[in-house]
PDB file of N, CA and C in Angstrom:
ATOM      1  N   MET A   1      41.512   0.346 -58.136  1.00  0.00           N
ATOM      2  CA  MET A   1      41.646   1.598 -58.830  1.00  0.00           C
ATOM      3  C   MET A   1      41.195   1.490 -60.282  1.00  0.00           C
ATOM      4  N   ALA A   2      41.350   0.334 -60.873  1.00  0.00           N
ATOM      5  CA  ALA A   2      40.941   0.160 -62.264  1.00  0.00           C
ATOM      6  C   ALA A   2      39.440   0.361 -62.418  1.00  0.00           C
ATOM      7  N   LEU A   3      38.665  -0.132 -61.457  1.00  0.00           N
ATOM      8  CA  LEU A   3      37.211   0.064 -61.507  1.00  0.00           C
ATOM      9  C   LEU A   3      36.892   1.558 -61.425  1.00  0.00           C
ATOM     10  N   GLY A   4      37.550   2.271 -60.533  1.00  0.00           N
ATOM     11  CA  GLY A   4      37.353   3.711 -60.431  1.00  0.00           C
ATOM     12  C   GLY A   4      37.703   4.417 -61.723  1.00  0.00           C
ATOM     13  N   GLY A   5      38.816   4.017 -62.347  1.00  0.00           N
ATOM     14  CA  GLY A   5      39.217   4.619 -63.618  1.00  0.00           C
ATOM     15  C   GLY A   5      38.209   4.370 -64.719  1.00  0.00           C
ATOM     16  N   ALA A   6      37.670   3.159 -64.758  1.00  0.00           N
ATOM     17  CA  ALA A   6      36.660   2.833 -65.768  1.00  0.00           C
ATOM     18  C   ALA A   6      35.402   3.671 -65.559  1.00  0.00           C
ATOM     19  N   LEU A   7      34.961   3.773 -64.317  1.00  0.00           N
ATOM     20  CA  LEU A   7      33.769   4.584 -64.025  1.00  0.00           C
ATOM     21  C   LEU A   7      34.018   6.057 -64.331  1.00  0.00           C
ATOM     22  N   GLY A   8      35.200   6.552 -63.971  1.00  0.00           N
ATOM     23  CA  GLY A   8      35.540   7.942 -64.245  1.00  0.00           C
ATOM     24  C   GLY A   8      35.557   8.246 -65.732  1.00  0.00           C
ATOM     25  N   SER A   9      36.057   7.310 -66.531  1.00  0.00           N
ATOM     26  CA  SER A   9      36.091   7.511 -67.979  1.00  0.00           C
ATOM     27  C   SER A   9      34.689   7.574 -68.570  1.00  0.00           C
ATOM     28  N   VAL A  10      33.821   6.720 -68.087  1.00  0.00           N
ATOM     29  CA  VAL A  10      32.428   6.743 -68.556  1.00  0.00           C
ATOM     30  C   VAL A  10      31.761   8.054 -68.138  1.00  0.00           C
ATOM     31  N   MET A  11      32.027   8.476 -66.907  1.00  0.00           N
ATOM     32  CA  MET A  11      31.477   9.754 -66.441  1.00  0.00           C
ATOM     33  C   MET A  11      32.006  10.912 -67.291  1.00  0.00           C
ATOM     34  N   ARG A  12      33.298  10.890 -67.589  1.00  0.00           N
ATOM     35  CA  ARG A  12      33.898  11.955 -68.402  1.00  0.00           C
ATOM     36  C   ARG A  12      33.196  12.050 -69.742  1.00  0.00           C
ATOM     37  N   TYR A  13      32.977  10.935 -70.387  1.00  0.00           N
ATOM     38  CA  TYR A  13      32.321  10.942 -71.694  1.00  0.00           C
ATOM     39  C   TYR A  13      30.911  11.519 -71.585  1.00  0.00           C
ATOM     40  N   GLY A  14      30.148  11.032 -70.625  1.00  0.00           N
ATOM     41  CA  GLY A  14      28.767  11.484 -70.482  1.00  0.00           C
ATOM     42  C   GLY A  14      28.665  12.947 -70.109  1.00  0.00           C
ATOM     43  N   VAL A  15      29.439  13.374 -69.126  1.00  0.00           N
ATOM     44  CA  VAL A  15      29.404  14.767 -68.689  1.00  0.00           C
ATOM     45  C   VAL A  15      29.938  15.683 -69.792  1.00  0.00           C
ATOM     46  N   GLY A  16      30.974  15.246 -70.477  1.00  0.00           N
ATOM     47  CA  GLY A  16      31.519  16.037 -71.579  1.00  0.00           C
ATOM     48  C   GLY A  16      30.499  16.247 -72.687  1.00  0.00           C
ATOM     49  N   ARG A  17      29.778  15.198 -73.028  1.00  0.00           N
ATOM     50  CA  ARG A  17      28.741  15.316 -74.067  1.00  0.00           C
ATOM     51  C   ARG A  17      27.615  16.245 -73.614  1.00  0.00           C
ATOM     52  N   LEU A  18      27.208  16.117 -72.364  1.00  0.00           N
ATOM     53  CA  LEU A  18      26.164  17.004 -71.841  1.00  0.00           C
ATOM     54  C   LEU A  18      26.612  18.459 -71.884  1.00  0.00           C
ATOM     55  N   ALA A  19      27.849  18.713 -71.508  1.00  0.00           N
ATOM     56  CA  ALA A  19      28.370  20.084 -71.514  1.00  0.00           C
ATOM     57  C   ALA A  19      28.405  20.644 -72.929  1.00  0.00           C
ATOM     58  N   VAL A  20      28.818  19.836 -73.890  1.00  0.00           N
ATOM     59  CA  VAL A  20      28.851  20.285 -75.287  1.00  0.00           C
ATOM     60  C   VAL A  20      27.426  20.606 -75.744  1.00  0.00           C
ATOM     61  N   ASN A  21      26.472  19.750 -75.407  1.00  0.00           N
ATOM     62  CA  ASN A  21      25.081  19.992 -75.808  1.00  0.00           C
ATOM     63  C   ASN A  21      24.508  21.238 -75.139  1.00  0.00           C
ATOM     64  N   TYR A  22      24.927  21.488 -73.912  1.00  0.00           N
ATOM     65  CA  TYR A  22      24.377  22.614 -73.160  1.00  0.00           C
ATOM     66  C   TYR A  22      25.090  23.934 -73.458  1.00  0.00           C
ATOM     67  N   PHE A  23      26.430  23.912 -73.512  1.00  0.00           N
ATOM     68  CA  PHE A  23      27.199  25.142 -73.634  1.00  0.00           C
ATOM     69  C   PHE A  23      27.557  25.509 -75.074  1.00  0.00           C
ATOM     70  N   GLY A  24      27.613  24.549 -75.958  1.00  0.00           N
ATOM     71  CA  GLY A  24      27.965  24.885 -77.334  1.00  0.00           C
ATOM     72  C   GLY A  24      28.599  23.716 -78.052  1.00  0.00           C
ATOM     73  N   ALA A  25      28.785  23.879 -79.333  1.00  0.00           N
ATOM     74  CA  ALA A  25      29.232  22.790 -80.185  1.00  0.00           C
ATOM     75  C   ALA A  25      30.694  22.414 -80.001  1.00  0.00           C
ATOM     76  N   SER A  26      31.521  23.312 -79.489  1.00  0.00           N
ATOM     77  CA  SER A  26      32.947  23.030 -79.382  1.00  0.00           C
ATOM     78  C   SER A  26      33.225  22.001 -78.290  1.00  0.00           C
ATOM     79  N   PRO A  27      34.001  20.968 -78.611  1.00  0.00           N
ATOM     80  CA  PRO A  27      34.357  19.987 -77.581  1.00  0.00           C
ATOM     81  C   PRO A  27      35.225  20.581 -76.470  1.00  0.00           C
ATOM     82  N   LEU A  28      35.784  21.772 -76.710  1.00  0.00           N
ATOM     83  CA  LEU A  28      36.561  22.421 -75.653  1.00  0.00           C
ATOM     84  C   LEU A  28      35.694  22.713 -74.436  1.00  0.00           C
ATOM     85  N   TRP A  29      34.398  22.976 -74.637  1.00  0.00           N
ATOM     86  CA  TRP A  29      33.503  23.223 -73.500  1.00  0.00           C
ATOM     87  C   TRP A  29      33.333  21.983 -72.643  1.00  0.00           C
ATOM     88  N   GLY A  30      33.236  20.829 -73.285  1.00  0.00           N
ATOM     89  CA  GLY A  30      33.127  19.580 -72.526  1.00  0.00           C
ATOM     90  C   GLY A  30      34.368  19.320 -71.703  1.00  0.00           C
ATOM     91  N   THR A  31      35.534  19.500 -72.311  1.00  0.00           N
ATOM     92  CA  THR A  31      36.805  19.319 -71.605  1.00  0.00           C
ATOM     93  C   THR A  31      36.917  20.298 -70.446  1.00  0.00           C
ATOM     94  N   PHE A  32      36.580  21.554 -70.699  1.00  0.00           N
ATOM     95  CA  PHE A  32      36.641  22.582 -69.667  1.00  0.00           C
ATOM     96  C   PHE A  32      35.731  22.221 -68.490  1.00  0.00           C
ATOM     97  N   PHE A  33      34.491  21.888 -68.752  1.00  0.00           N
ATOM     98  CA  PHE A  33      33.533  21.579 -67.691  1.00  0.00           C
ATOM     99  C   PHE A  33      33.982  20.380 -66.862  1.00  0.00           C
ATOM    100  N   VAL A  34      34.461  19.345 -67.528  1.00  0.00           N
ATOM    101  CA  VAL A  34      34.940  18.154 -66.821  1.00  0.00           C
ATOM    102  C   VAL A  34      36.147  18.492 -65.951  1.00  0.00           C
ATOM    103  N   ASN A  35      37.094  19.244 -66.495  1.00  0.00           N
ATOM    104  CA  ASN A  35      38.286  19.586 -65.716  1.00  0.00           C
ATOM    105  C   ASN A  35      37.956  20.442 -64.497  1.00  0.00           C
ATOM    106  N   ILE A  36      37.044  21.381 -64.639  1.00  0.00           N
ATOM    107  CA  ILE A  36      36.703  22.258 -63.525  1.00  0.00           C
ATOM    108  C   ILE A  36      35.925  21.492 -62.456  1.00  0.00           C
ATOM    109  N   THR A  37      34.939  20.712 -62.850  1.00  0.00           N
ATOM    110  CA  THR A  37      34.194  19.933 -61.851  1.00  0.00           C
ATOM    111  C   THR A  37      35.077  18.875 -61.209  1.00  0.00           C
ATOM    112  N   GLY A  38      35.979  18.279 -61.979  1.00  0.00           N
ATOM    113  CA  GLY A  38      36.904  17.294 -61.420  1.00  0.00           C
ATOM    114  C   GLY A  38      37.876  17.922 -60.434  1.00  0.00           C
ATOM    115  N   SER A  39      38.349  19.120 -60.737  1.00  0.00           N
ATOM    116  CA  SER A  39      39.256  19.824 -59.822  1.00  0.00           C
ATOM    117  C   SER A  39      38.551  20.148 -58.513  1.00  0.00           C
ATOM    118  N   PHE A  40      37.314  20.620 -58.607  1.00  0.00           N
ATOM    119  CA  PHE A  40      36.547  20.915 -57.396  1.00  0.00           C
ATOM    120  C   PHE A  40      36.335  19.632 -56.581  1.00  0.00           C
ATOM    121  N   ALA A  41      35.911  18.570 -57.248  1.00  0.00           N
ATOM    122  CA  ALA A  41      35.644  17.306 -56.550  1.00  0.00           C
ATOM    123  C   ALA A  41      36.906  16.765 -55.882  1.00  0.00           C
ATOM    124  N   LEU A  42      38.039  16.870 -56.560  1.00  0.00           N
ATOM    125  CA  LEU A  42      39.294  16.389 -55.983  1.00  0.00           C
ATOM    126  C   LEU A  42      39.681  17.216 -54.760  1.00  0.00           C
ATOM    127  N   GLY A  43      39.601  18.538 -54.879  1.00  0.00           N
ATOM    128  CA  GLY A  43      39.910  19.393 -53.731  1.00  0.00           C
ATOM    129  C   GLY A  43      39.002  19.104 -52.546  1.00  0.00           C
ATOM    130  N   LEU A  44      37.718  18.942 -52.818  1.00  0.00           N
ATOM    131  CA  LEU A  44      36.744  18.644 -51.769  1.00  0.00           C
ATOM    132  C   LEU A  44      37.034  17.295 -51.119  1.00  0.00           C
ATOM    133  N   PHE A  45      37.203  16.265 -51.943  1.00  0.00           N
ATOM    134  CA  PHE A  45      37.394  14.909 -51.430  1.00  0.00           C
ATOM    135  C   PHE A  45      38.694  14.778 -50.634  1.00  0.00           C
ATOM    136  N   ILE A  46      39.781  15.300 -51.186  1.00  0.00           N
ATOM    137  CA  ILE A  46      41.077  15.198 -50.507  1.00  0.00           C
ATOM    138  C   ILE A  46      41.022  15.881 -49.145  1.00  0.00           C
ATOM    139  N   THR A  47      40.460  17.076 -49.113  1.00  0.00           N
ATOM    140  CA  THR A  47      40.409  17.811 -47.852  1.00  0.00           C
ATOM    141  C   THR A  47      39.498  17.126 -46.851  1.00  0.00           C
ATOM    142  N   LEU A  48      38.345  16.662 -47.298  1.00  0.00           N
ATOM    143  CA  LEU A  48      37.443  15.950 -46.381  1.00  0.00           C
ATOM    144  C   LEU A  48      38.098  14.703 -45.803  1.00  0.00           C
ATOM    145  N   THR A  49      38.751  13.943 -46.657  1.00  0.00           N
ATOM    146  CA  THR A  49      39.302  12.664 -46.198  1.00  0.00           C
ATOM    147  C   THR A  49      40.657  12.788 -45.520  1.00  0.00           C
ATOM    148  N   MET A  50      41.292  13.923 -45.639  1.00  0.00           N
ATOM    149  CA  MET A  50      42.565  14.123 -44.953  1.00  0.00           C
ATOM    150  C   MET A  50      42.402  14.921 -43.660  1.00  0.00           C
ATOM    151  N   GLU A  51      41.368  15.767 -43.604  1.00  0.00           N
ATOM    152  CA  GLU A  51      41.221  16.658 -42.459  1.00  0.00           C
ATOM    153  C   GLU A  51      39.970  16.404 -41.630  1.00  0.00           C
ATOM    154  N   LYS A  52      38.927  15.822 -42.213  1.00  0.00           N
ATOM    155  CA  LYS A  52      37.651  15.729 -41.507  1.00  0.00           C
ATOM    156  C   LYS A  52      37.219  14.294 -41.193  1.00  0.00           C
ATOM    157  N   VAL A  53      37.355  13.417 -42.147  1.00  0.00           N
ATOM    158  CA  VAL A  53      36.848  12.048 -42.027  1.00  0.00           C
ATOM    159  C   VAL A  53      37.984  11.072 -42.315  1.00  0.00           C
ATOM    160  N   SER A  54      38.129  10.090 -41.473  1.00  0.00           N
ATOM    161  CA  SER A  54      39.178   9.096 -41.680  1.00  0.00           C
ATOM    162  C   SER A  54      38.741   8.091 -42.748  1.00  0.00           C
ATOM    163  N   VAL A  55      39.479   8.050 -43.836  1.00  0.00           N
ATOM    164  CA  VAL A  55      39.212   7.123 -44.927  1.00  0.00           C
ATOM    165  C   VAL A  55      40.514   6.399 -45.242  1.00  0.00           C
ATOM    166  N   PRO A  56      40.489   5.072 -45.300  1.00  0.00           N
ATOM    167  CA  PRO A  56      41.714   4.339 -45.608  1.00  0.00           C
ATOM    168  C   PRO A  56      42.340   4.793 -46.935  1.00  0.00           C
ATOM    169  N   ALA A  57      43.641   4.767 -46.990  1.00  0.00           N
ATOM    170  CA  ALA A  57      44.386   5.225 -48.171  1.00  0.00           C
ATOM    171  C   ALA A  57      43.946   4.501 -49.443  1.00  0.00           C
ATOM    172  N   GLU A  58      43.597   3.225 -49.330  1.00  0.00           N
ATOM    173  CA  GLU A  58      43.179   2.465 -50.514  1.00  0.00           C
ATOM    174  C   GLU A  58      41.916   3.065 -51.126  1.00  0.00           C
ATOM    175  N   TYR A  59      40.983   3.485 -50.281  1.00  0.00           N
ATOM    176  CA  TYR A  59      39.736   4.071 -50.778  1.00  0.00           C
ATOM    177  C   TYR A  59      39.969   5.481 -51.318  1.00  0.00           C
ATOM    178  N   ARG A  60      40.861   6.215 -50.667  1.00  0.00           N
ATOM    179  CA  ARG A  60      41.213   7.535 -51.210  1.00  0.00           C
ATOM    180  C   ARG A  60      41.813   7.373 -52.604  1.00  0.00           C
ATOM    181  N   GLY A  61      42.685   6.375 -52.761  1.00  0.00           N
ATOM    182  CA  GLY A  61      43.285   6.112 -54.075  1.00  0.00           C
ATOM    183  C   GLY A  61      42.257   5.698 -55.106  1.00  0.00           C
ATOM    184  N   LEU A  62      41.285   4.898 -54.702  1.00  0.00           N
ATOM    185  CA  LEU A  62      40.222   4.473 -55.615  1.00  0.00           C
ATOM    186  C   LEU A  62      39.490   5.690 -56.186  1.00  0.00           C
ATOM    187  N   VAL A  63      39.207   6.647 -55.323  1.00  0.00           N
ATOM    188  CA  VAL A  63      38.472   7.834 -55.766  1.00  0.00           C
ATOM    189  C   VAL A  63      39.382   8.833 -56.458  1.00  0.00           C
ATOM    190  N   THR A  64      40.554   9.143 -55.876  1.00  0.00           N
ATOM    191  CA  THR A  64      41.403  10.199 -56.438  1.00  0.00           C
ATOM    192  C   THR A  64      42.130   9.752 -57.704  1.00  0.00           C
ATOM    193  N   VAL A  65      42.869   8.658 -57.605  1.00  0.00           N
ATOM    194  CA  VAL A  65      43.636   8.181 -58.767  1.00  0.00           C
ATOM    195  C   VAL A  65      42.722   7.494 -59.770  1.00  0.00           C
ATOM    196  N   GLY A  66      41.813   6.660 -59.271  1.00  0.00           N
ATOM    197  CA  GLY A  66      40.933   5.906 -60.156  1.00  0.00           C
ATOM    198  C   GLY A  66      39.819   6.750 -60.744  1.00  0.00           C
ATOM    199  N   LEU A  67      38.802   7.020 -59.937  1.00  0.00           N
ATOM    200  CA  LEU A  67      37.596   7.699 -60.420  1.00  0.00           C
ATOM    201  C   LEU A  67      37.900   9.093 -60.977  1.00  0.00           C
ATOM    202  N   LEU A  68      38.513   9.954 -60.171  1.00  0.00           N
ATOM    203  CA  LEU A  68      38.754  11.327 -60.631  1.00  0.00           C
ATOM    204  C   LEU A  68      39.889  11.408 -61.641  1.00  0.00           C
ATOM    205  N   GLY A  69      40.859  10.495 -61.556  1.00  0.00           N
ATOM    206  CA  GLY A  69      41.907  10.441 -62.577  1.00  0.00           C
ATOM    207  C   GLY A  69      41.339  10.039 -63.933  1.00  0.00           C
ATOM    208  N   GLY A  70      40.379   9.111 -63.916  1.00  0.00           N
ATOM    209  CA  GLY A  70      39.710   8.720 -65.156  1.00  0.00           C
ATOM    210  C   GLY A  70      38.744   9.780 -65.652  1.00  0.00           C
ATOM    211  N   TYR A  71      38.227  10.575 -64.733  1.00  0.00           N
ATOM    212  CA  TYR A  71      37.232  11.592 -65.076  1.00  0.00           C
ATOM    213  C   TYR A  71      37.855  12.840 -65.693  1.00  0.00           C
ATOM    214  N   THR A  72      38.933  13.339 -65.113  1.00  0.00           N
ATOM    215  CA  THR A  72      39.521  14.570 -65.635  1.00  0.00           C
ATOM    216  C   THR A  72      40.283  14.290 -66.925  1.00  0.00           C
ATOM    217  N   THR A  73      40.548  15.344 -67.672  1.00  0.00           N
ATOM    218  CA  THR A  73      40.964  15.133 -69.055  1.00  0.00           C
ATOM    219  C   THR A  73      42.152  15.991 -69.489  1.00  0.00           C
ATOM    220  N   PHE A  74      43.196  16.025 -68.704  1.00  0.00           N
ATOM    221  CA  PHE A  74      44.335  16.861 -69.096  1.00  0.00           C
ATOM    222  C   PHE A  74      44.895  16.445 -70.450  1.00  0.00           C
ATOM    223  N   SER A  75      44.991  15.162 -70.692  1.00  0.00           N
ATOM    224  CA  SER A  75      45.526  14.728 -71.985  1.00  0.00           C
ATOM    225  C   SER A  75      44.615  15.165 -73.130  1.00  0.00           C
ATOM    226  N   THR A  76      43.322  15.132 -72.932  1.00  0.00           N
ATOM    227  CA  THR A  76      42.390  15.600 -73.948  1.00  0.00           C
ATOM    228  C   THR A  76      42.552  17.102 -74.165  1.00  0.00           C
ATOM    229  N   LEU A  77      42.739  17.828 -73.079  1.00  0.00           N
ATOM    230  CA  LEU A  77      42.955  19.273 -73.174  1.00  0.00           C
ATOM    231  C   LEU A  77      44.161  19.589 -74.047  1.00  0.00           C
ATOM    232  N   THR A  78      45.263  18.910 -73.815  1.00  0.00           N
ATOM    233  CA  THR A  78      46.477  19.213 -74.565  1.00  0.00           C
ATOM    234  C   THR A  78      46.326  18.864 -76.045  1.00  0.00           C
ATOM    235  N   VAL A  79      45.707  17.736 -76.342  1.00  0.00           N
ATOM    236  CA  VAL A  79      45.517  17.344 -77.742  1.00  0.00           C
ATOM    237  C   VAL A  79      44.555  18.303 -78.436  1.00  0.00           C
ATOM    238  N   ASP A  80      43.455  18.667 -77.751  1.00  0.00           N
ATOM    239  CA  ASP A  80      42.520  19.638 -78.324  1.00  0.00           C
ATOM    240  C   ASP A  80      43.224  20.957 -78.628  1.00  0.00           C
ATOM    241  N   ALA A  81      44.063  21.410 -77.709  1.00  0.00           N
ATOM    242  CA  ALA A  81      44.766  22.682 -77.898  1.00  0.00           C
ATOM    243  C   ALA A  81      45.723  22.614 -79.088  1.00  0.00           C
ATOM    244  N   ILE A  82      46.451  21.531 -79.213  1.00  0.00           N
ATOM    245  CA  ILE A  82      47.383  21.383 -80.339  1.00  0.00           C
ATOM    246  C   ILE A  82      46.618  21.353 -81.655  1.00  0.00           C
ATOM    247  N   ARG A  83      45.525  20.601 -81.691  1.00  0.00           N
ATOM    248  CA  ARG A  83      44.734  20.518 -82.926  1.00  0.00           C
ATOM    249  C   ARG A  83      44.178  21.891 -83.308  1.00  0.00           C
ATOM    250  N   ARG A  84      43.696  22.645 -82.325  1.00  0.00           N
ATOM    251  CA  ARG A  84      43.177  23.998 -82.587  1.00  0.00           C
ATOM    252  C   ARG A  84      44.304  24.898 -83.105  1.00  0.00           C
ATOM    253  N   ALA A  85      45.436  24.862 -82.440  1.00  0.00           N
ATOM    254  CA  ALA A  85      46.562  25.710 -82.846  1.00  0.00           C
ATOM    255  C   ALA A  85      47.013  25.368 -84.263  1.00  0.00           C
ATOM    256  N   GLU A  86      47.100  24.085 -84.573  1.00  0.00           N
ATOM    257  CA  GLU A  86      47.526  23.673 -85.911  1.00  0.00           C
ATOM    258  C   GLU A  86      46.524  24.085 -86.994  1.00  0.00           C
ATOM    259  N   SER A  87      45.253  24.227 -86.591  1.00  0.00           N
ATOM    260  CA  SER A  87      44.252  24.633 -87.581  1.00  0.00           C
ATOM    261  C   SER A  87      44.076  26.150 -87.623  1.00  0.00           C
ATOM    262  N   GLY A  88      44.977  26.876 -86.949  1.00  0.00           N
ATOM    263  CA  GLY A  88      44.947  28.326 -87.002  1.00  0.00           C
ATOM    264  C   GLY A  88      44.181  29.001 -85.882  1.00  0.00           C
ATOM    265  N   GLU A  89      43.595  28.240 -85.003  1.00  0.00           N
ATOM    266  CA  GLU A  89      42.827  28.805 -83.888  1.00  0.00           C
ATOM    267  C   GLU A  89      43.728  28.919 -82.653  1.00  0.00           C
ATOM    268  N   VAL A  90      44.806  29.666 -82.813  1.00  0.00           N
ATOM    269  CA  VAL A  90      45.825  29.765 -81.764  1.00  0.00           C
ATOM    270  C   VAL A  90      45.278  30.464 -80.525  1.00  0.00           C
ATOM    271  N   LEU A  91      44.537  31.535 -80.710  1.00  0.00           N
ATOM    272  CA  LEU A  91      43.984  32.261 -79.567  1.00  0.00           C
ATOM    273  C   LEU A  91      43.012  31.385 -78.782  1.00  0.00           C
ATOM    274  N   GLU A  92      42.118  30.691 -79.480  1.00  0.00           N
ATOM    275  CA  GLU A  92      41.168  29.807 -78.796  1.00  0.00           C
ATOM    276  C   GLU A  92      41.903  28.695 -78.048  1.00  0.00           C
ATOM    277  N   ALA A  93      42.945  28.133 -78.646  1.00  0.00           N
ATOM    278  CA  ALA A  93      43.731  27.087 -77.997  1.00  0.00           C
ATOM    279  C   ALA A  93      44.394  27.617 -76.727  1.00  0.00           C
ATOM    280  N   GLY A  94      45.008  28.774 -76.822  1.00  0.00           N
ATOM    281  CA  GLY A  94      45.672  29.373 -75.659  1.00  0.00           C
ATOM    282  C   GLY A  94      44.699  29.719 -74.551  1.00  0.00           C
ATOM    283  N   LEU A  95      43.558  30.293 -74.918  1.00  0.00           N
ATOM    284  CA  LEU A  95      42.546  30.629 -73.918  1.00  0.00           C
ATOM    285  C   LEU A  95      41.994  29.378 -73.238  1.00  0.00           C
ATOM    286  N   SER A  96      41.843  28.318 -73.996  1.00  0.00           N
ATOM    287  CA  SER A  96      41.347  27.072 -73.428  1.00  0.00           C
ATOM    288  C   SER A  96      42.317  26.524 -72.380  1.00  0.00           C
ATOM    289  N   VAL A  97      43.597  26.473 -72.714  1.00  0.00           N
ATOM    290  CA  VAL A  97      44.602  25.969 -71.768  1.00  0.00           C
ATOM    291  C   VAL A  97      44.671  26.872 -70.543  1.00  0.00           C
ATOM    292  N   ALA A  98      44.762  28.181 -70.764  1.00  0.00           N
ATOM    293  CA  ALA A  98      44.846  29.122 -69.643  1.00  0.00           C
ATOM    294  C   ALA A  98      43.597  29.057 -68.771  1.00  0.00           C
ATOM    295  N   GLY A  99      42.434  28.979 -69.401  1.00  0.00           N
ATOM    296  CA  GLY A  99      41.183  28.910 -68.647  1.00  0.00           C
ATOM    297  C   GLY A  99      41.072  27.635 -67.832  1.00  0.00           C
ATOM    298  N   ASN A 100      41.460  26.512 -68.422  1.00  0.00           N
ATOM    299  CA  ASN A 100      41.419  25.249 -67.684  1.00  0.00           C
ATOM    300  C   ASN A 100      42.347  25.274 -66.479  1.00  0.00           C
ATOM    301  N   VAL A 101      43.544  25.812 -66.658  1.00  0.00           N
ATOM    302  CA  VAL A 101      44.502  25.856 -65.546  1.00  0.00           C
ATOM    303  C   VAL A 101      44.021  26.827 -64.465  1.00  0.00           C
ATOM    304  N   PHE A 102      43.674  28.055 -64.862  1.00  0.00           N
ATOM    305  CA  PHE A 102      43.245  29.047 -63.880  1.00  0.00           C
ATOM    306  C   PHE A 102      41.985  28.601 -63.141  1.00  0.00           C
ATOM    307  N   PHE A 103      40.944  28.260 -63.886  1.00  0.00           N
ATOM    308  CA  PHE A 103      39.683  27.896 -63.242  1.00  0.00           C
ATOM    309  C   PHE A 103      39.768  26.535 -62.551  1.00  0.00           C
ATOM    310  N   GLY A 104      40.647  25.648 -63.036  1.00  0.00           N
ATOM    311  CA  GLY A 104      40.888  24.385 -62.336  1.00  0.00           C
ATOM    312  C   GLY A 104      41.503  24.625 -60.969  1.00  0.00           C
ATOM    313  N   LEU A 105      42.500  25.513 -60.912  1.00  0.00           N
ATOM    314  CA  LEU A 105      43.099  25.862 -59.621  1.00  0.00           C
ATOM    315  C   LEU A 105      42.075  26.520 -58.704  1.00  0.00           C
ATOM    316  N   LEU A 106      41.290  27.421 -59.253  1.00  0.00           N
ATOM    317  CA  LEU A 106      40.256  28.081 -58.462  1.00  0.00           C
ATOM    318  C   LEU A 106      39.236  27.072 -57.943  1.00  0.00           C
ATOM    319  N   ALA A 107      38.808  26.151 -58.795  1.00  0.00           N
ATOM    320  CA  ALA A 107      37.830  25.143 -58.382  1.00  0.00           C
ATOM    321  C   ALA A 107      38.395  24.233 -57.295  1.00  0.00           C
ATOM    322  N   ALA A 108      39.651  23.813 -57.428  1.00  0.00           N
ATOM    323  CA  ALA A 108      40.269  22.974 -56.396  1.00  0.00           C
ATOM    324  C   ALA A 108      40.344  23.730 -55.074  1.00  0.00           C
ATOM    325  N   TYR A 109      40.726  25.002 -55.129  1.00  0.00           N
ATOM    326  CA  TYR A 109      40.778  25.832 -53.922  1.00  0.00           C
ATOM    327  C   TYR A 109      39.386  25.936 -53.282  1.00  0.00           C
ATOM    328  N   LEU A 110      38.365  26.156 -54.095  1.00  0.00           N
ATOM    329  CA  LEU A 110      36.995  26.236 -53.577  1.00  0.00           C
ATOM    330  C   LEU A 110      36.557  24.907 -52.978  1.00  0.00           C
ATOM    331  N   GLY A 111      37.007  23.802 -53.574  1.00  0.00           N
ATOM    332  CA  GLY A 111      36.731  22.488 -52.996  1.00  0.00           C
ATOM    333  C   GLY A 111      37.361  22.333 -51.622  1.00  0.00           C
ATOM    334  N   PHE A 112      38.612  22.786 -51.487  1.00  0.00           N
ATOM    335  CA  PHE A 112      39.292  22.763 -50.181  1.00  0.00           C
ATOM    336  C   PHE A 112      38.487  23.561 -49.157  1.00  0.00           C
ATOM    337  N   GLN A 113      38.097  24.772 -49.560  1.00  0.00           N
ATOM    338  CA  GLN A 113      37.378  25.647 -48.640  1.00  0.00           C
ATOM    339  C   GLN A 113      36.000  25.093 -48.285  1.00  0.00           C
ATOM    340  N   ALA A 114      35.321  24.508 -49.241  1.00  0.00           N
ATOM    341  CA  ALA A 114      34.005  23.915 -48.971  1.00  0.00           C
ATOM    342  C   ALA A 114      34.132  22.756 -47.989  1.00  0.00           C
ATOM    343  N   ALA A 115      35.156  21.936 -48.158  1.00  0.00           N
ATOM    344  CA  ALA A 115      35.366  20.815 -47.244  1.00  0.00           C
ATOM    345  C   ALA A 115      35.685  21.301 -45.848  1.00  0.00           C
ATOM    346  N   ARG A 116      36.449  22.351 -45.749  1.00  0.00           N
ATOM    347  CA  ARG A 116      36.821  22.883 -44.434  1.00  0.00           C
ATOM    348  C   ARG A 116      35.641  23.547 -43.739  1.00  0.00           C
ATOM    349  N   ALA A 117      34.633  23.940 -44.481  1.00  0.00           N
ATOM    350  CA  ALA A 117      33.455  24.573 -43.895  1.00  0.00           C
ATOM    351  C   ALA A 117      32.538  23.549 -43.230  1.00  0.00           C
ATOM    352  N   PHE A 118      32.703  22.257 -43.539  1.00  0.00           N
ATOM    353  CA  PHE A 118      31.851  21.211 -42.932  1.00  0.00           C
ATOM    354  C   PHE A 118      32.169  21.054 -41.473  1.00  0.00           C
TER     355      PHE A 118
END
């Protein structure tokens, strides 16, 4: 799982930087993009490996806890939100948290549905 976590962290950094460069200067966009894609990937992977394809629990843990746990950024989201709120950007902080939670849930649900369509 440690290898998965290390790879996920590197992926998070790279994807987050790409999202910031593509969507805008705010690091909140990088966090948002990583959380949404990670939620979709987790929903897809869990459903595929629990309902469609037999994968040993150790490998599921490597991907879910390791790779995707290292990739998603809930702790970064919370720190970014607090820093924004403390600097007076309370609305942006609140929208970021609400958007990550809502769209993260939606992305995970879509991942479940995509896996079930296979």
